[in-house]
Amino acid sequence: MSVSFVPLSLSTDARPNETILDAARRAGAPLGNSCGATGICARCRVRIVSGAESLSPPTTIELRTSAQRGLEAEERLGCQAVVGGGGHVVVTTGYW
């Protein structure tokens, strides 16, 4: 399991049950967060470039926040999306 952050050219192996936000922190990718990873601020919003099938299904909190904030279908909250399934996930944001 690995996560790449483009166009930053940063990548890291994901640990079991690790969120995209946790992986970003370890990789040194600046990913916004102001709610303490509770899923309500949406500052950790990422666009999944590839590997969406290697992420956990959206949580109830993520679905509610996504609807309230108008997230696109390919966007996930980094603090809620857990990397798993042995695949490779590639993400980006609008501010990198």
PDB file of N, CA and C in Angstrom:
ATOM      1  N   MET A   1       0.854  -1.175   0.000  1.00  0.00           N
ATOM      2  CA  MET A   1       0.000   0.000   0.000  1.00  0.00           C
ATOM      3  C   MET A   1       0.894   1.230   0.000  1.00  0.00           C
ATOM      4  N   SER A   2       0.652   2.117  -0.907  1.00  0.00           N
ATOM      5  CA  SER A   2       1.427   3.348  -0.949  1.00  0.00           C
ATOM      6  C   SER A   2       0.547   4.506  -1.399  1.00  0.00           C
ATOM      7  N   VAL A   3       0.997   5.703  -1.056  1.00  0.00           N
ATOM      8  CA  VAL A   3       0.278   6.922  -1.422  1.00  0.00           C
ATOM      9  C   VAL A   3       1.279   7.878  -2.056  1.00  0.00           C
ATOM     10  N   SER A   4       0.927   8.422  -3.211  1.00  0.00           N
ATOM     11  CA  SER A   4       1.745   9.433  -3.882  1.00  0.00           C
ATOM     12  C   SER A   4       0.974  10.740  -3.925  1.00  0.00           C
ATOM     13  N   PHE A   5       1.716  11.826  -3.782  1.00  0.00           N
ATOM     14  CA  PHE A   5       1.142  13.167  -3.771  1.00  0.00           C
ATOM     15  C   PHE A   5       1.706  13.927  -4.958  1.00  0.00           C
ATOM     16  N   VAL A   6       0.846  14.191  -5.941  1.00  0.00           N
ATOM     17  CA  VAL A   6       1.287  14.870  -7.160  1.00  0.00           C
ATOM     18  C   VAL A   6       0.696  16.273  -7.206  1.00  0.00           C
ATOM     19  N   PRO A   7       1.401  17.227  -7.733  1.00  0.00           N
ATOM     20  CA  PRO A   7       2.678  17.162  -8.422  1.00  0.00           C
ATOM     21  C   PRO A   7       3.884  17.334  -7.495  1.00  0.00           C
ATOM     22  N   LEU A   8       3.750  17.048  -6.235  1.00  0.00           N
ATOM     23  CA  LEU A   8       4.828  17.266  -5.269  1.00  0.00           C
ATOM     24  C   LEU A   8       5.964  16.262  -5.370  1.00  0.00           C
ATOM     25  N   SER A   9       5.773  15.172  -6.094  1.00  0.00           N
ATOM     26  CA  SER A   9       6.769  14.111  -6.200  1.00  0.00           C
ATOM     27  C   SER A   9       7.122  13.529  -4.829  1.00  0.00           C
ATOM     28  N   LEU A  10       6.111  13.424  -3.962  1.00  0.00           N
ATOM     29  CA  LEU A  10       6.288  12.811  -2.648  1.00  0.00           C
ATOM     30  C   LEU A  10       5.481  11.526  -2.607  1.00  0.00           C
ATOM     31  N   SER A  11       6.009  10.534  -1.910  1.00  0.00           N
ATOM     32  CA  SER A  11       5.342   9.249  -1.813  1.00  0.00           C
ATOM     33  C   SER A  11       5.725   8.589  -0.501  1.00  0.00           C
ATOM     34  N   THR A  12       4.863   7.731   0.000  1.00  0.00           N
ATOM     35  CA  THR A  12       5.150   6.987   1.224  1.00  0.00           C
ATOM     36  C   THR A  12       4.372   5.683   1.214  1.00  0.00           C
ATOM     37  N   ASP A  13       4.910   4.708   1.931  1.00  0.00           N
ATOM     38  CA  ASP A  13       4.161   3.476   2.155  1.00  0.00           C
ATOM     39  C   ASP A  13       3.145   3.751   3.245  1.00  0.00           C
ATOM     40  N   ALA A  14       1.928   3.319   3.027  1.00  0.00           N
ATOM     41  CA  ALA A  14       0.874   3.525   4.014  1.00  0.00           C
ATOM     42  C   ALA A  14       0.936   2.417   5.059  1.00  0.00           C
ATOM     43  N   ARG A  15       0.738   2.800   6.292  1.00  0.00           N
ATOM     44  CA  ARG A  15       0.680   1.836   7.380  1.00  0.00           C
ATOM     45  C   ARG A  15      -0.742   1.300   7.485  1.00  0.00           C
ATOM     46  N   PRO A  16      -0.928   0.139   8.128  1.00  0.00           N
ATOM     47  CA  PRO A  16      -2.287  -0.409   8.274  1.00  0.00           C
ATOM     48  C   PRO A  16      -3.231   0.588   8.946  1.00  0.00           C
ATOM     49  N   ASN A  17      -4.409   0.724   8.383  1.00  0.00           N
ATOM     50  CA  ASN A  17      -5.465   1.612   8.901  1.00  0.00           C
ATOM     51  C   ASN A  17      -5.041   3.072   8.984  1.00  0.00           C
ATOM     52  N   GLU A  18      -4.172   3.505   8.103  1.00  0.00           N
ATOM     53  CA  GLU A  18      -3.697   4.886   8.087  1.00  0.00           C
ATOM     54  C   GLU A  18      -4.515   5.713   7.101  1.00  0.00           C
ATOM     55  N   THR A  19      -4.851   6.925   7.496  1.00  0.00           N
ATOM     56  CA  THR A  19      -5.584   7.818   6.613  1.00  0.00           C
ATOM     57  C   THR A  19      -4.636   8.494   5.632  1.00  0.00           C
ATOM     58  N   ILE A  20      -5.215   9.074   4.600  1.00  0.00           N
ATOM     59  CA  ILE A  20      -4.413   9.858   3.651  1.00  0.00           C
ATOM     60  C   ILE A  20      -3.745  11.018   4.380  1.00  0.00           C
ATOM     61  N   LEU A  21      -4.440  11.643   5.322  1.00  0.00           N
ATOM     62  CA  LEU A  21      -3.866  12.756   6.083  1.00  0.00           C
ATOM     63  C   LEU A  21      -2.634  12.302   6.863  1.00  0.00           C
ATOM     64  N   ASP A  22      -2.716  11.164   7.520  1.00  0.00           N
ATOM     65  CA  ASP A  22      -1.559  10.646   8.261  1.00  0.00           C
ATOM     66  C   ASP A  22      -0.388  10.365   7.328  1.00  0.00           C
ATOM     67  N   ALA A  23      -0.679   9.759   6.184  1.00  0.00           N
ATOM     68  CA  ALA A  23       0.364   9.465   5.205  1.00  0.00           C
ATOM     69  C   ALA A  23       0.992  10.757   4.681  1.00  0.00           C
ATOM     70  N   ALA A  24       0.166  11.771   4.441  1.00  0.00           N
ATOM     71  CA  ALA A  24       0.670  13.057   3.954  1.00  0.00           C
ATOM     72  C   ALA A  24       1.625  13.681   4.972  1.00  0.00           C
ATOM     73  N   ARG A  25       1.267  13.620   6.225  1.00  0.00           N
ATOM     74  CA  ARG A  25       2.128  14.180   7.269  1.00  0.00           C
ATOM     75  C   ARG A  25       3.485  13.483   7.283  1.00  0.00           C
ATOM     76  N   ARG A  26       3.485  12.154   7.203  1.00  0.00           N
ATOM     77  CA  ARG A  26       4.752  11.423   7.209  1.00  0.00           C
ATOM     78  C   ARG A  26       5.579  11.698   5.963  1.00  0.00           C
ATOM     79  N   ALA A  27       4.907  11.915   4.827  1.00  0.00           N
ATOM     80  CA  ALA A  27       5.616  12.164   3.573  1.00  0.00           C
ATOM     81  C   ALA A  27       6.093  13.610   3.447  1.00  0.00           C
ATOM     82  N   GLY A  28       5.587  14.484   4.317  1.00  0.00           N
ATOM     83  CA  GLY A  28       5.946  15.899   4.226  1.00  0.00           C
ATOM     84  C   GLY A  28       5.092  16.677   3.244  1.00  0.00           C
ATOM     85  N   ALA A  29       3.947  16.122   2.875  1.00  0.00           N
ATOM     86  CA  ALA A  29       3.027  16.812   1.960  1.00  0.00           C
ATOM     87  C   ALA A  29       2.115  17.728   2.774  1.00  0.00           C
ATOM     88  N   PRO A  30       2.116  19.015   2.477  1.00  0.00           N
ATOM     89  CA  PRO A  30       1.293  19.950   3.248  1.00  0.00           C
ATOM     90  C   PRO A  30      -0.191  19.790   2.917  1.00  0.00           C
ATOM     91  N   LEU A  31      -0.907  19.168   3.829  1.00  0.00           N
ATOM     92  CA  LEU A  31      -2.336  18.941   3.637  1.00  0.00           C
ATOM     93  C   LEU A  31      -3.074  19.653   4.753  1.00  0.00           C
ATOM     94  N   GLY A  32      -3.968  20.570   4.373  1.00  0.00           N
ATOM     95  CA  GLY A  32      -4.688  21.382   5.346  1.00  0.00           C
ATOM     96  C   GLY A  32      -5.498  20.558   6.324  1.00  0.00           C
ATOM     97  N   ASN A  33      -5.665  21.111   7.528  1.00  0.00           N
ATOM     98  CA  ASN A  33      -6.481  20.461   8.559  1.00  0.00           C
ATOM     99  C   ASN A  33      -6.641  21.439   9.699  1.00  0.00           C
ATOM    100  N   SER A  34      -7.875  21.727  10.070  1.00  0.00           N
ATOM    101  CA  SER A  34      -8.075  22.635  11.200  1.00  0.00           C
ATOM    102  C   SER A  34      -9.072  22.096  12.222  1.00  0.00           C
ATOM    103  N   CYS A  35      -9.692  20.946  11.950  1.00  0.00           N
ATOM    104  CA  CYS A  35     -10.711  20.417  12.868  1.00  0.00           C
ATOM    105  C   CYS A  35     -10.183  19.273  13.723  1.00  0.00           C
ATOM    106  N   GLY A  36      -8.882  18.989  13.632  1.00  0.00           N
ATOM    107  CA  GLY A  36      -8.331  17.890  14.407  1.00  0.00           C
ATOM    108  C   GLY A  36      -8.694  16.530  13.845  1.00  0.00           C
ATOM    109  N   ALA A  37      -8.902  16.454  12.548  1.00  0.00           N
ATOM    110  CA  ALA A  37      -9.209  15.204  11.842  1.00  0.00           C
ATOM    111  C   ALA A  37     -10.560  14.613  12.235  1.00  0.00           C
ATOM    112  N   THR A  38     -11.528  15.503  12.527  1.00  0.00           N
ATOM    113  CA  THR A  38     -12.868  15.024  12.855  1.00  0.00           C
ATOM    114  C   THR A  38     -13.786  14.973  11.639  1.00  0.00           C
ATOM    115  N   GLY A  39     -13.312  15.482  10.504  1.00  0.00           N
ATOM    116  CA  GLY A  39     -14.076  15.393   9.273  1.00  0.00           C
ATOM    117  C   GLY A  39     -15.085  16.490   9.044  1.00  0.00           C
ATOM    118  N   ILE A  40     -14.947  17.617   9.735  1.00  0.00           N
ATOM    119  CA  ILE A  40     -15.958  18.662   9.554  1.00  0.00           C
ATOM    120  C   ILE A  40     -15.471  19.907   8.820  1.00  0.00           C
ATOM    121  N   CYS A  41     -14.165  20.125   8.753  1.00  0.00           N
ATOM    122  CA  CYS A  41     -13.690  21.369   8.129  1.00  0.00           C
ATOM    123  C   CYS A  41     -13.472  21.236   6.624  1.00  0.00           C
ATOM    124  N   ALA A  42     -13.201  20.028   6.144  1.00  0.00           N
ATOM    125  CA  ALA A  42     -12.958  19.734   4.722  1.00  0.00           C
ATOM    126  C   ALA A  42     -11.695  20.391   4.181  1.00  0.00           C
ATOM    127  N   ARG A  43     -10.831  20.874   5.043  1.00  0.00           N
ATOM    128  CA  ARG A  43      -9.572  21.462   4.562  1.00  0.00           C
ATOM    129  C   ARG A  43      -8.614  20.404   4.038  1.00  0.00           C
ATOM    130  N   CYS A  44      -8.826  19.154   4.425  1.00  0.00           N
ATOM    131  CA  CYS A  44      -7.958  18.065   3.972  1.00  0.00           C
ATOM    132  C   CYS A  44      -8.511  17.401   2.709  1.00  0.00           C
ATOM    133  N   ARG A  45      -9.392  18.074   2.035  1.00  0.00           N
ATOM    134  CA  ARG A  45      -9.994  17.558   0.793  1.00  0.00           C
ATOM    135  C   ARG A  45      -8.902  17.264  -0.226  1.00  0.00           C
ATOM    136  N   VAL A  46      -8.963  16.064  -0.797  1.00  0.00           N
ATOM    137  CA  VAL A  46      -8.033  15.682  -1.853  1.00  0.00           C
ATOM    138  C   VAL A  46      -8.817  15.137  -3.030  1.00  0.00           C
ATOM    139  N   ARG A  47      -8.225  15.245  -4.195  1.00  0.00           N
ATOM    140  CA  ARG A  47      -8.806  14.661  -5.410  1.00  0.00           C
ATOM    141  C   ARG A  47      -8.055  13.359  -5.663  1.00  0.00           C
ATOM    142  N   ILE A  48      -8.787  12.275  -5.804  1.00  0.00           N
ATOM    143  CA  ILE A  48      -8.186  10.973  -6.058  1.00  0.00           C
ATOM    144  C   ILE A  48      -7.892  10.870  -7.551  1.00  0.00           C
ATOM    145  N   VAL A  49      -6.615  10.835  -7.895  1.00  0.00           N
ATOM    146  CA  VAL A  49      -6.198  10.735  -9.291  1.00  0.00           C
ATOM    147  C   VAL A  49      -6.317   9.280  -9.753  1.00  0.00           C
ATOM    148  N   SER A  50      -5.891   8.360  -8.903  1.00  0.00           N
ATOM    149  CA  SER A  50      -6.023   6.934  -9.194  1.00  0.00           C
ATOM    150  C   SER A  50      -5.969   6.150  -7.894  1.00  0.00           C
ATOM    151  N   GLY A  51      -6.495   4.941  -7.940  1.00  0.00           N
ATOM    152  CA  GLY A  51      -6.439   4.061  -6.779  1.00  0.00           C
ATOM    153  C   GLY A  51      -7.588   4.185  -5.806  1.00  0.00           C
ATOM    154  N   ALA A  52      -8.696   4.780  -6.214  1.00  0.00           N
ATOM    155  CA  ALA A  52      -9.846   4.953  -5.322  1.00  0.00           C
ATOM    156  C   ALA A  52     -10.325   3.621  -4.754  1.00  0.00           C
ATOM    157  N   GLU A  53     -10.143   2.548  -5.514  1.00  0.00           N
ATOM    158  CA  GLU A  53     -10.576   1.233  -5.051  1.00  0.00           C
ATOM    159  C   GLU A  53      -9.746   0.727  -3.867  1.00  0.00           C
ATOM    160  N   SER A  54      -8.617   1.365  -3.608  1.00  0.00           N
ATOM    161  CA  SER A  54      -7.761   0.981  -2.479  1.00  0.00           C
ATOM    162  C   SER A  54      -8.060   1.788  -1.218  1.00  0.00           C
ATOM    163  N   LEU A  55      -9.146   2.557  -1.237  1.00  0.00           N
ATOM    164  CA  LEU A  55      -9.536   3.355  -0.081  1.00  0.00           C
ATOM    165  C   LEU A  55     -10.785   2.765   0.565  1.00  0.00           C
ATOM    166  N   SER A  56     -10.937   3.047   1.844  1.00  0.00           N
ATOM    167  CA  SER A  56     -12.137   2.640   2.558  1.00  0.00           C
ATOM    168  C   SER A  56     -13.348   3.370   1.982  1.00  0.00           C
ATOM    169  N   PRO A  57     -14.544   2.807   2.155  1.00  0.00           N
ATOM    170  CA  PRO A  57     -15.744   3.543   1.738  1.00  0.00           C
ATOM    171  C   PRO A  57     -15.885   4.815   2.577  1.00  0.00           C
ATOM    172  N   PRO A  58     -16.547   5.838   2.060  1.00  0.00           N
ATOM    173  CA  PRO A  58     -16.747   7.067   2.838  1.00  0.00           C
ATOM    174  C   PRO A  58     -17.484   6.789   4.150  1.00  0.00           C
ATOM    175  N   THR A  59     -17.037   7.449   5.205  1.00  0.00           N
ATOM    176  CA  THR A  59     -17.706   7.340   6.497  1.00  0.00           C
ATOM    177  C   THR A  59     -18.967   8.192   6.481  1.00  0.00           C
ATOM    178  N   THR A  60     -19.818   7.991   7.469  1.00  0.00           N
ATOM    179  CA  THR A  60     -21.036   8.800   7.596  1.00  0.00           C
ATOM    180  C   THR A  60     -20.677  10.270   7.730  1.00  0.00           C
ATOM    181  N   ILE A  61     -19.661  10.558   8.515  1.00  0.00           N
ATOM    182  CA  ILE A  61     -19.205  11.948   8.689  1.00  0.00           C
ATOM    183  C   ILE A  61     -18.739  12.514   7.358  1.00  0.00           C
ATOM    184  N   GLU A  62     -17.970  11.726   6.618  1.00  0.00           N
ATOM    185  CA  GLU A  62     -17.459  12.190   5.328  1.00  0.00           C
ATOM    186  C   GLU A  62     -18.593  12.446   4.341  1.00  0.00           C
ATOM    187  N   LEU A  63     -19.574  11.567   4.306  1.00  0.00           N
ATOM    188  CA  LEU A  63     -20.714  11.760   3.406  1.00  0.00           C
ATOM    189  C   LEU A  63     -21.478  13.035   3.744  1.00  0.00           C
ATOM    190  N   ARG A  64     -21.694  13.281   5.023  1.00  0.00           N
ATOM    191  CA  ARG A  64     -22.413  14.483   5.444  1.00  0.00           C
ATOM    192  C   ARG A  64     -21.609  15.742   5.098  1.00  0.00           C
ATOM    193  N   THR A  65     -20.323  15.747   5.427  1.00  0.00           N
ATOM    194  CA  THR A  65     -19.477  16.911   5.135  1.00  0.00           C
ATOM    195  C   THR A  65     -19.354  17.126   3.629  1.00  0.00           C
ATOM    196  N   SER A  66     -19.230  16.047   2.869  1.00  0.00           N
ATOM    197  CA  SER A  66     -19.131  16.151   1.415  1.00  0.00           C
ATOM    198  C   SER A  66     -20.368  16.810   0.821  1.00  0.00           C
ATOM    199  N   ALA A  67     -21.535  16.428   1.319  1.00  0.00           N
ATOM    200  CA  ALA A  67     -22.787  17.020   0.831  1.00  0.00           C
ATOM    201  C   ALA A  67     -22.879  18.491   1.220  1.00  0.00           C
ATOM    202  N   GLN A  68     -22.503  18.819   2.436  1.00  0.00           N
ATOM    203  CA  GLN A  68     -22.574  20.205   2.913  1.00  0.00           C
ATOM    204  C   GLN A  68     -21.583  21.109   2.195  1.00  0.00           C
ATOM    205  N   ARG A  69     -20.398  20.584   1.884  1.00  0.00           N
ATOM    206  CA  ARG A  69     -19.324  21.386   1.281  1.00  0.00           C
ATOM    207  C   ARG A  69     -19.265  21.274  -0.240  1.00  0.00           C
ATOM    208  N   GLY A  70     -20.083  20.413  -0.810  1.00  0.00           N
ATOM    209  CA  GLY A  70     -20.125  20.282  -2.262  1.00  0.00           C
ATOM    210  C   GLY A  70     -18.922  19.602  -2.871  1.00  0.00           C
ATOM    211  N   LEU A  71     -18.400  18.565  -2.226  1.00  0.00           N
ATOM    212  CA  LEU A  71     -17.266  17.838  -2.785  1.00  0.00           C
ATOM    213  C   LEU A  71     -17.686  17.086  -4.040  1.00  0.00           C
ATOM    214  N   GLU A  72     -16.787  17.008  -4.995  1.00  0.00           N
ATOM    215  CA  GLU A  72     -17.015  16.265  -6.230  1.00  0.00           C
ATOM    216  C   GLU A  72     -16.906  14.770  -5.951  1.00  0.00           C
ATOM    217  N   ALA A  73     -17.387  13.956  -6.866  1.00  0.00           N
ATOM    218  CA  ALA A  73     -17.387  12.500  -6.686  1.00  0.00           C
ATOM    219  C   ALA A  73     -15.987  11.932  -6.479  1.00  0.00           C
ATOM    220  N   GLU A  74     -14.982  12.516  -7.122  1.00  0.00           N
ATOM    221  CA  GLU A  74     -13.609  12.002  -7.003  1.00  0.00           C
ATOM    222  C   GLU A  74     -12.837  12.621  -5.833  1.00  0.00           C
ATOM    223  N   GLU A  75     -13.493  13.434  -5.028  1.00  0.00           N
ATOM    224  CA  GLU A  75     -12.847  14.058  -3.877  1.00  0.00           C
ATOM    225  C   GLU A  75     -13.183  13.291  -2.594  1.00  0.00           C
ATOM    226  N   ARG A  76     -12.194  13.220  -1.719  1.00  0.00           N
ATOM    227  CA  ARG A  76     -12.375  12.568  -0.427  1.00  0.00           C
ATOM    228  C   ARG A  76     -11.744  13.450   0.644  1.00  0.00           C
ATOM    229  N   LEU A  77     -12.153  13.227   1.879  1.00  0.00           N
ATOM    230  CA  LEU A  77     -11.518  13.898   3.011  1.00  0.00           C
ATOM    231  C   LEU A  77     -10.328  13.062   3.437  1.00  0.00           C
ATOM    232  N   GLY A  78      -9.154  13.679   3.441  1.00  0.00           N
ATOM    233  CA  GLY A  78      -7.932  12.958   3.782  1.00  0.00           C
ATOM    234  C   GLY A  78      -7.939  12.399   5.186  1.00  0.00           C
ATOM    235  N   CYS A  79      -8.658  13.042   6.088  1.00  0.00           N
ATOM    236  CA  CYS A  79      -8.697  12.571   7.478  1.00  0.00           C
ATOM    237  C   CYS A  79      -9.637  11.398   7.675  1.00  0.00           C
ATOM    238  N   GLN A  80     -10.462  11.090   6.686  1.00  0.00           N
ATOM    239  CA  GLN A  80     -11.444  10.013   6.810  1.00  0.00           C
ATOM    240  C   GLN A  80     -11.144   8.826   5.897  1.00  0.00           C
ATOM    241  N   ALA A  81     -10.478   9.064   4.776  1.00  0.00           N
ATOM    242  CA  ALA A  81     -10.194   8.006   3.802  1.00  0.00           C
ATOM    243  C   ALA A  81      -9.006   7.170   4.263  1.00  0.00           C
ATOM    244  N   VAL A  82      -9.255   5.905   4.548  1.00  0.00           N
ATOM    245  CA  VAL A  82      -8.222   4.989   5.025  1.00  0.00           C
ATOM    246  C   VAL A  82      -7.675   4.194   3.839  1.00  0.00           C
ATOM    247  N   VAL A  83      -6.348   4.130   3.758  1.00  0.00           N
ATOM    248  CA  VAL A  83      -5.678   3.405   2.688  1.00  0.00           C
ATOM    249  C   VAL A  83      -5.625   1.924   3.053  1.00  0.00           C
ATOM    250  N   GLY A  84      -6.005   1.074   2.129  1.00  0.00           N
ATOM    251  CA  GLY A  84      -5.977  -0.368   2.363  1.00  0.00           C
ATOM    252  C   GLY A  84      -6.066  -1.111   1.053  1.00  0.00           C
ATOM    253  N   GLY A  85      -6.187  -2.391   1.124  1.00  0.00           N
ATOM    254  CA  GLY A  85      -6.378  -3.174  -0.093  1.00  0.00           C
ATOM    255  C   GLY A  85      -5.123  -3.446  -0.892  1.00  0.00           C
ATOM    256  N   GLY A  86      -3.965  -3.038  -0.395  1.00  0.00           N
ATOM    257  CA  GLY A  86      -2.722  -3.376  -1.056  1.00  0.00           C
ATOM    258  C   GLY A  86      -2.419  -2.623  -2.333  1.00  0.00           C
ATOM    259  N   GLY A  87      -3.161  -1.587  -2.643  1.00  0.00           N
ATOM    260  CA  GLY A  87      -2.941  -0.865  -3.885  1.00  0.00           C
ATOM    261  C   GLY A  87      -2.123   0.399  -3.720  1.00  0.00           C
ATOM    262  N   HIS A  88      -2.082   1.156  -4.792  1.00  0.00           N
ATOM    263  CA  HIS A  88      -1.362   2.425  -4.833  1.00  0.00           C
ATOM    264  C   HIS A  88      -2.383   3.529  -5.064  1.00  0.00           C
ATOM    265  N   VAL A  89      -2.351   4.553  -4.229  1.00  0.00           N
ATOM    266  CA  VAL A  89      -3.282   5.675  -4.331  1.00  0.00           C
ATOM    267  C   VAL A  89      -2.487   6.915  -4.721  1.00  0.00           C
ATOM    268  N   VAL A  90      -3.000   7.675  -5.678  1.00  0.00           N
ATOM    269  CA  VAL A  90      -2.382   8.933  -6.104  1.00  0.00           C
ATOM    270  C   VAL A  90      -3.396  10.039  -5.856  1.00  0.00           C
ATOM    271  N   VAL A  91      -2.966  11.081  -5.131  1.00  0.00           N
ATOM    272  CA  VAL A  91      -3.863  12.189  -4.802  1.00  0.00           C
ATOM    273  C   VAL A  91      -3.227  13.535  -5.148  1.00  0.00           C
ATOM    274  N   THR A  92      -4.086  14.540  -5.279  1.00  0.00           N
ATOM    275  CA  THR A  92      -3.645  15.908  -5.486  1.00  0.00           C
ATOM    276  C   THR A  92      -4.654  16.835  -4.808  1.00  0.00           C
ATOM    277  N   THR A  93      -4.315  18.097  -4.741  1.00  0.00           N
ATOM    278  CA  THR A  93      -5.230  19.105  -4.238  1.00  0.00           C
ATOM    279  C   THR A  93      -5.194  20.313  -5.169  1.00  0.00           C
ATOM    280  N   GLY A  94      -6.085  21.252  -4.948  1.00  0.00           N
ATOM    281  CA  GLY A  94      -6.108  22.447  -5.765  1.00  0.00           C
ATOM    282  C   GLY A  94      -5.042  23.464  -5.374  1.00  0.00           C
ATOM    283  N   TYR A  95      -4.352  23.251  -4.283  1.00  0.00           N
ATOM    284  CA  TYR A  95      -3.385  24.258  -3.826  1.00  0.00           C
ATOM    285  C   TYR A  95      -1.933  23.798  -3.868  1.00  0.00           C
ATOM    286  N   TRP A  96      -1.643  22.649  -4.471  1.00  0.00           N
ATOM    287  CA  TRP A  96      -0.239  22.248  -4.617  1.00  0.00           C
ATOM    288  C   TRP A  96       0.294  22.765  -5.899  1.00  0.00           C
TER     289      TRP A  96
END
